[in-house]
Amino acid sequence: QVQLVESGGDLVQAGGSLRVSCAASGIGTRAMAWYRQAPGKQREFVARISITGVTSVTNSLRGRFTIARDSAKNTVHLQMNSLKPEDTAVYYCNTYPPQTAYWGQGTQVTVSS
């Protein structure tokens, strides 16, 4: 049974940093990604990491967000720096491309101005 559990979301001030994590079980080694959904908007792709560790961040977030994985712990992290109020969203991890059945509860990130 696949389980993806996101954690680390918090309320932070603009300009701050935060790291969110995703603990994966039952999924083996897969390309993984972070997605986010802001209030009133569709869920969007944020960043992905391949099985071999090659990363890609969506253009608008490049330079502020980085993705990394700890294969030994089957965990994927998203490091977010210089946060802005528009980064406020629920952050989800999933495979890349995403599987409908794998969406979890996400973790709330709120950036105050």
Protein backbone atom coordinates (compact mmCIF):
# COMPACT_ATOMS: atom_id res chain seq x y z
CA GLN A 1 0.00 0.00 0.00
CA VAL A 2 1.41 3.34 -1.06
CA GLN A 3 1.50 6.05 1.53
CA LEU A 4 2.90 9.56 1.12
CA VAL A 5 2.95 11.67 4.27
CA GLU A 6 3.86 15.32 4.02
CA SER A 7 5.06 17.30 7.00
CA GLY A 8 6.84 20.49 7.97
CA GLY A 9 4.33 23.08 6.89
CA ASP A 10 4.10 26.15 9.06
CA LEU A 11 3.31 29.84 9.28
CA VAL A 12 6.35 31.89 8.31
CA GLN A 13 7.05 35.53 7.59
CA ALA A 14 7.84 36.74 4.12
CA GLY A 15 11.53 36.35 3.41
CA GLY A 16 11.83 33.34 5.65
CA SER A 17 12.72 29.75 4.88
CA LEU A 18 11.02 26.45 5.41
CA ARG A 19 11.65 22.82 4.57
CA VAL A 20 8.81 20.42 3.99
CA SER A 21 9.29 16.68 3.84
CA CYS A 22 7.54 13.69 2.36
CA ALA A 23 7.90 10.21 3.79
CA ALA A 24 7.10 7.58 1.21
CA SER A 25 6.27 3.96 1.85
CA GLY A 26 5.14 1.13 -0.36
CA ILE A 27 6.27 2.98 -3.45
CA GLY A 28 9.76 1.73 -4.17
CA THR A 29 12.19 4.02 -5.93
CA ARG A 30 10.36 6.40 -8.24
CA ALA A 31 10.74 9.83 -9.68
CA MET A 32 9.10 12.12 -7.14
CA ALA A 33 7.78 15.63 -7.18
CA TRP A 34 6.26 18.37 -5.13
CA TYR A 35 3.07 20.13 -6.13
CA ARG A 36 1.09 22.89 -4.48
CA GLN A 37 -2.43 24.24 -4.47
CA ALA A 38 -3.14 27.80 -3.44
CA PRO A 39 -6.61 28.87 -2.31
CA GLY A 40 -8.94 29.14 -5.28
CA LYS A 41 -6.34 27.85 -7.74
CA GLN A 42 -5.54 24.59 -9.44
CA ARG A 43 -2.82 22.35 -8.15
CA GLU A 44 0.48 23.09 -9.86
CA PHE A 45 3.83 21.43 -10.30
CA VAL A 46 6.67 22.78 -8.15
CA ALA A 47 9.75 20.57 -8.51
CA ARG A 48 10.79 17.02 -9.32
CA ILE A 49 13.68 14.69 -8.73
CA SER A 50 14.57 11.62 -10.73
CA ILE A 51 15.67 8.24 -9.48
CA THR A 52 19.26 9.29 -10.12
CA GLY A 53 18.89 12.63 -8.37
CA VAL A 54 18.48 14.93 -11.34
CA THR A 55 16.29 17.83 -10.29
CA SER A 56 14.07 20.32 -11.99
CA VAL A 57 12.21 23.30 -10.51
CA THR A 58 9.45 25.17 -12.24
CA ASN A 59 10.78 28.35 -13.80
CA SER A 60 9.00 30.81 -11.54
CA LEU A 61 10.46 29.22 -8.39
CA ARG A 62 13.95 28.47 -9.61
CA GLY A 63 16.58 29.99 -7.38
CA ARG A 64 14.35 29.93 -4.31
CA PHE A 65 13.16 26.32 -4.11
CA THR A 66 15.25 23.16 -4.19
CA ILE A 67 14.26 19.51 -4.03
CA ALA A 68 16.32 16.69 -2.60
CA ARG A 69 15.84 13.08 -1.64
CA ASP A 70 17.20 10.83 1.04
CA SER A 71 16.99 7.45 -0.63
CA ALA A 72 17.99 5.58 2.51
CA LYS A 73 14.99 7.00 4.32
CA ASN A 74 12.73 7.14 1.26
CA THR A 75 12.10 10.80 1.97
CA VAL A 76 11.86 13.77 -0.34
CA HIS A 77 12.42 17.31 0.87
CA LEU A 78 11.53 20.70 -0.52
CA GLN A 79 13.65 23.57 0.71
CA MET A 80 11.94 26.93 0.27
CA ASN A 81 13.84 30.18 0.72
CA SER A 82 12.91 33.83 0.40
CA LEU A 83 9.28 32.89 0.83
CA LYS A 84 6.58 35.22 -0.46
CA PRO A 85 2.91 35.52 0.48
CA GLU A 86 2.04 34.06 -2.94
CA ASP A 87 3.80 30.84 -1.89
CA THR A 88 0.96 30.22 0.54
CA ALA A 89 -0.54 26.87 -0.41
CA VAL A 90 -1.01 23.28 0.56
CA TYR A 91 2.09 21.40 -0.57
CA TYR A 92 1.78 17.81 -1.76
CA CYS A 93 4.25 15.19 -2.84
CA ASN A 94 3.52 12.54 -5.42
CA THR A 95 5.30 10.65 -8.12
CA TYR A 96 6.28 12.31 -11.37
CA PRO A 97 4.03 12.19 -13.21
CA PRO A 98 1.49 12.12 -10.40
CA GLN A 99 -0.79 9.22 -9.66
CA THR A 100 -4.33 10.11 -8.65
CA ALA A 101 -4.45 7.42 -6.00
CA TYR A 102 -1.30 8.72 -4.28
CA TRP A 103 -2.46 12.19 -3.27
CA GLY A 104 -2.18 12.65 0.49
CA GLN A 105 -3.34 15.34 2.86
CA GLY A 106 -0.55 17.72 2.06
CA THR A 107 1.06 20.18 4.41
CA GLN A 108 -0.05 23.79 4.79
CA VAL A 109 2.48 26.54 4.21
CA THR A 110 1.33 30.03 5.05
CA VAL A 111 3.52 33.04 4.38
CA SER A 112 2.55 36.26 6.10
CA SER A 113 3.45 39.67 4.72
